[in-house]
Amino acid sequence: MTTFILASASPARLKVLRAAGLEPVVRVSDVDEDAVAAALPAGTTPEGVVVALAQAKARTVAAELSAGLDGVCWLDGADAFDSVLVGCDSMLHIASELQGKPLTVEVARQRWATMAGRSGELLTGHCVLRLRDGKVVAAASGCTTTTVHFGSPTDADLTAYLASGEPLQVAGAFTLDGLGGWFVEKIDGDPSSVIGIGLPLVRRLLSEVGVSISDLWDRR
């Protein structure tokens, strides 16, 4: 059976995939996202940035797996020689600015000052790699764009939200599937992409590399 590898430490992405019938093997990349973005050509579109970051994460994990392939299974009991690997990256595009993780309360508060009562585009880049015998034999990439309409939290609610720590490690300083959901009025587009991995797009990208999503479902 083909093994599904998720090149991400995101618990939200893992939760989405598990709810959708997969049991991924998780391999986290140590890509320097700022360095990758800085090396892109001037004028790269926001969609191009998130796709490039997703590709960098997927390619890094694929290279690490290939380097460790020595005739034994390097995937914790899964099939090391027949797998698909998915890398993702999400950022919020709002007020002509591309925003990643705020990391600090101060930055998150500044971003919410811009976001409150406005709309932004949550961009999620995806890269799917097909691996056989540790080598990449096919690849497909794409981006989903979902418009997020933000509410206007009270000062007290925003302070409590920032104090929770939840928005500090997520793109755009909000979540849809956690406490941040209280402050999202509506979305136009794919909700799974806002959480971090767009199921419809991943299904199409898997098809491009010759894999049917139903063949990956965990039927245990």
Protein backbone atom coordinates (compact mmCIF):
# COMPACT_ATOMS: atom_id res chain seq x y z
CA MET A 1 0.00 0.00 0.00
CA THR A 2 1.23 3.48 -0.84
CA THR A 3 2.37 5.41 2.24
CA PHE A 4 1.19 9.01 2.74
CA ILE A 5 3.89 11.23 4.24
CA LEU A 6 3.05 14.64 5.68
CA ALA A 7 6.02 17.03 5.67
CA SER A 8 4.62 19.23 8.42
CA ALA A 9 4.56 19.52 12.20
CA SER A 10 1.07 21.08 12.12
CA PRO A 11 -1.37 19.21 14.38
CA ALA A 12 -4.24 20.90 12.52
CA ARG A 13 -3.14 19.44 9.17
CA LEU A 14 -2.72 16.02 10.73
CA LYS A 15 -6.19 16.25 12.28
CA VAL A 16 -7.77 17.18 8.93
CA LEU A 17 -6.10 14.24 7.17
CA ARG A 18 -7.07 11.76 9.89
CA ALA A 19 -10.67 12.94 9.79
CA ALA A 20 -10.56 12.43 6.01
CA GLY A 21 -9.53 8.78 6.30
CA LEU A 22 -5.73 8.91 6.20
CA GLU A 23 -3.11 7.97 8.79
CA PRO A 24 -0.05 9.88 7.59
CA VAL A 25 3.55 9.31 8.55
CA VAL A 26 4.84 12.67 9.78
CA ARG A 27 8.29 13.91 8.79
CA VAL A 28 9.03 17.53 9.69
CA SER A 29 11.26 19.67 7.49
CA ASP A 30 13.68 22.18 8.97
CA VAL A 31 13.41 24.59 6.05
CA ASP A 32 14.31 28.21 6.78
CA GLU A 33 11.12 29.76 5.42
CA ASP A 34 12.44 33.32 5.56
CA ALA A 35 15.55 32.35 3.60
CA VAL A 36 13.53 30.56 0.93
CA ALA A 37 11.18 33.52 0.54
CA ALA A 38 14.07 36.00 0.42
CA ALA A 39 15.75 34.05 -2.37
CA LEU A 40 12.72 34.21 -4.67
CA PRO A 41 12.86 36.56 -7.65
CA ALA A 42 11.53 40.07 -7.19
CA GLY A 43 7.90 40.26 -8.19
CA THR A 44 7.02 36.71 -7.18
CA THR A 45 3.27 36.60 -6.58
CA PRO A 46 1.89 35.76 -3.13
CA GLU A 47 0.65 32.46 -4.58
CA GLY A 48 4.13 31.80 -5.94
CA VAL A 49 5.66 32.39 -2.52
CA VAL A 50 3.51 29.84 -0.68
CA VAL A 51 3.94 27.26 -3.45
CA ALA A 52 7.73 27.72 -3.39
CA LEU A 53 7.75 27.23 0.38
CA ALA A 54 5.62 24.09 0.10
CA GLN A 55 7.96 22.74 -2.56
CA ALA A 56 11.02 23.48 -0.43
CA LYS A 57 9.55 21.62 2.53
CA ALA A 58 8.53 18.60 0.46
CA ARG A 59 11.83 18.42 -1.42
CA THR A 60 13.84 18.72 1.79
CA VAL A 61 12.04 15.82 3.43
CA ALA A 62 12.27 13.75 0.23
CA ALA A 63 16.03 14.32 0.10
CA GLU A 64 16.40 13.30 3.74
CA LEU A 65 14.40 10.13 3.19
CA SER A 66 16.37 9.29 0.06
CA ALA A 67 19.67 9.81 1.87
CA GLY A 68 18.56 7.47 4.63
CA LEU A 69 17.36 4.73 2.31
CA ASP A 70 19.73 1.83 2.90
CA GLY A 71 17.57 -1.20 2.24
CA VAL A 72 15.64 -0.99 5.51
CA CYS A 73 12.35 0.69 6.23
CA TRP A 74 12.78 4.30 7.30
CA LEU A 75 9.06 4.95 7.73
CA ASP A 76 8.26 3.29 11.05
CA GLY A 77 6.83 0.11 9.64
CA ALA A 78 5.36 1.59 6.46
CA ASP A 79 6.37 0.87 2.91
CA ALA A 80 9.60 2.79 2.35
CA PHE A 81 9.64 2.24 -1.39
CA ASP A 82 6.16 3.34 -2.46
CA SER A 83 4.97 6.66 -1.05
CA VAL A 84 3.54 10.11 -1.68
CA LEU A 85 4.84 13.10 0.21
CA VAL A 86 2.91 16.33 0.77
CA GLY A 87 4.35 19.67 1.84
CA CYS A 88 2.22 22.75 2.60
CA ASP A 89 2.62 26.38 3.52
CA SER A 90 -0.07 28.90 4.46
CA MET A 91 0.02 32.70 4.64
CA LEU A 92 -2.56 35.45 4.89
CA HIS A 93 -2.59 38.13 2.19
CA ILE A 94 -4.23 41.28 3.53
CA ALA A 95 -3.70 45.01 3.01
CA SER A 96 -1.14 44.15 0.29
CA GLU A 97 0.99 42.28 2.86
CA LEU A 98 1.79 38.57 3.02
CA GLN A 99 1.69 37.41 6.63
CA GLY A 100 3.04 34.23 8.14
CA LYS A 101 3.20 33.30 11.82
CA PRO A 102 3.31 36.34 14.13
CA LEU A 103 5.30 34.48 16.85
CA THR A 104 4.81 37.25 19.45
CA VAL A 105 1.79 38.79 21.13
CA GLU A 106 2.84 42.25 20.01
CA VAL A 107 2.99 41.31 16.32
CA ALA A 108 -0.28 39.36 16.55
CA ARG A 109 -2.02 42.37 18.13
CA GLN A 110 -0.74 44.65 15.36
CA ARG A 111 -2.04 42.23 12.73
CA TRP A 112 -5.46 42.02 14.31
CA ALA A 113 -5.63 45.80 14.24
CA THR A 114 -5.45 45.45 10.45
CA MET A 115 -7.60 42.32 10.17
CA ALA A 116 -10.57 43.24 12.36
CA GLY A 117 -13.66 43.97 10.30
CA ARG A 118 -11.84 43.36 7.03
CA SER A 119 -11.33 40.50 4.57
CA GLY A 120 -8.12 38.79 3.52
CA GLU A 121 -7.04 35.88 1.37
CA LEU A 122 -5.70 32.79 3.08
CA LEU A 123 -3.26 31.21 0.62
CA THR A 124 -2.10 27.62 1.03
CA GLY A 125 0.59 26.24 -1.23
CA HIS A 126 0.78 22.48 -1.76
CA CYS A 127 3.44 20.22 -3.23
CA VAL A 128 2.87 16.51 -3.83
CA LEU A 129 5.81 14.24 -4.63
CA ARG A 130 5.52 10.62 -5.77
CA LEU A 131 8.41 8.51 -4.49
CA ARG A 132 9.54 5.08 -5.57
CA ASP A 133 12.65 3.45 -4.16
CA GLY A 134 13.50 6.73 -2.47
CA LYS A 135 13.45 8.73 -5.71
CA VAL A 136 10.99 11.40 -6.82
CA VAL A 137 9.31 10.11 -9.97
CA ALA A 138 6.50 12.68 -10.29
CA ALA A 139 5.55 16.03 -8.78
CA ALA A 140 2.58 18.38 -8.77
CA SER A 141 2.02 21.73 -7.06
CA GLY A 142 -0.77 24.24 -6.63
CA CYS A 143 -2.32 26.88 -4.41
CA THR A 144 -5.76 27.36 -2.92
CA THR A 145 -7.08 30.85 -2.19
CA THR A 146 -9.89 31.30 0.32
CA THR A 147 -11.32 34.68 1.29
CA VAL A 148 -11.71 35.08 5.06
CA HIS A 149 -14.04 37.74 6.46
CA PHE A 150 -12.96 38.73 9.97
CA GLY A 151 -15.14 40.00 12.78
CA SER A 152 -14.13 42.68 15.26
CA PRO A 153 -13.31 41.16 18.65
CA THR A 154 -13.62 43.34 21.72
CA ASP A 155 -10.42 44.45 23.39
CA ALA A 156 -11.06 41.98 26.21
CA ASP A 157 -11.69 39.07 23.84
CA LEU A 158 -8.64 39.87 21.72
CA THR A 159 -6.41 40.14 24.79
CA ALA A 160 -7.67 36.78 26.02
CA TYR A 161 -7.21 35.24 22.59
CA LEU A 162 -3.64 36.46 22.31
CA ALA A 163 -2.91 35.28 25.85
CA SER A 164 -4.04 31.77 24.89
CA GLY A 165 -1.01 31.49 22.61
CA GLU A 166 -3.07 29.95 19.82
CA PRO A 167 -2.63 32.70 17.21
CA LEU A 168 1.12 33.06 17.64
CA GLN A 169 2.13 29.94 15.69
CA VAL A 170 -0.39 30.04 12.85
CA ALA A 171 -0.48 31.92 9.58
CA GLY A 172 -2.41 35.16 9.81
CA ALA A 173 -2.69 35.03 13.62
CA PHE A 174 -5.99 33.12 13.59
CA THR A 175 -7.45 29.65 13.37
CA LEU A 176 -10.76 28.51 11.91
CA ASP A 177 -11.01 25.30 13.93
CA GLY A 178 -10.06 26.69 17.35
CA LEU A 179 -10.65 29.78 19.46
CA GLY A 180 -10.10 31.98 16.43
CA GLY A 181 -13.26 30.62 14.84
CA TRP A 182 -15.28 32.95 17.06
CA PHE A 183 -13.82 35.91 15.16
CA VAL A 184 -14.36 34.67 11.58
CA GLU A 185 -17.66 35.89 10.15
CA LYS A 186 -17.56 33.74 7.03
CA ILE A 187 -15.26 32.30 4.37
CA ASP A 188 -15.53 32.06 0.61
CA GLY A 189 -13.71 28.93 -0.49
CA ASP A 190 -12.30 25.71 0.92
CA PRO A 191 -12.42 25.49 4.75
CA SER A 192 -9.87 22.67 4.91
CA SER A 193 -7.37 24.91 3.14
CA VAL A 194 -7.86 27.59 5.80
CA ILE A 195 -7.06 25.00 8.46
CA GLY A 196 -3.86 24.19 6.57
CA ILE A 197 -4.31 21.56 3.87
CA GLY A 198 -6.85 21.75 1.07
CA LEU A 199 -8.40 18.33 0.55
CA PRO A 200 -9.91 19.03 -2.91
CA LEU A 201 -6.60 20.36 -4.25
CA VAL A 202 -4.56 17.54 -2.69
CA ARG A 203 -6.92 15.02 -4.30
CA ARG A 204 -6.35 16.63 -7.71
CA LEU A 205 -2.58 16.82 -7.23
CA LEU A 206 -2.47 13.17 -6.16
CA SER A 207 -4.33 12.27 -9.34
CA GLU A 208 -1.70 14.16 -11.35
CA VAL A 209 1.02 11.92 -9.91
CA GLY A 210 -1.02 8.77 -10.49
CA VAL A 211 -2.50 8.12 -7.05
CA SER A 212 -6.20 7.73 -6.22
CA ILE A 213 -7.22 9.16 -2.87
CA SER A 214 -9.43 6.16 -2.07
CA ASP A 215 -6.39 3.89 -2.33
CA LEU A 216 -4.85 5.82 0.59
CA TRP A 217 -7.79 5.59 2.99
CA ASP A 218 -7.00 3.86 6.26
CA ARG A 219 -9.52 1.02 6.46
CA ARG A 220 -8.34 -0.52 9.70
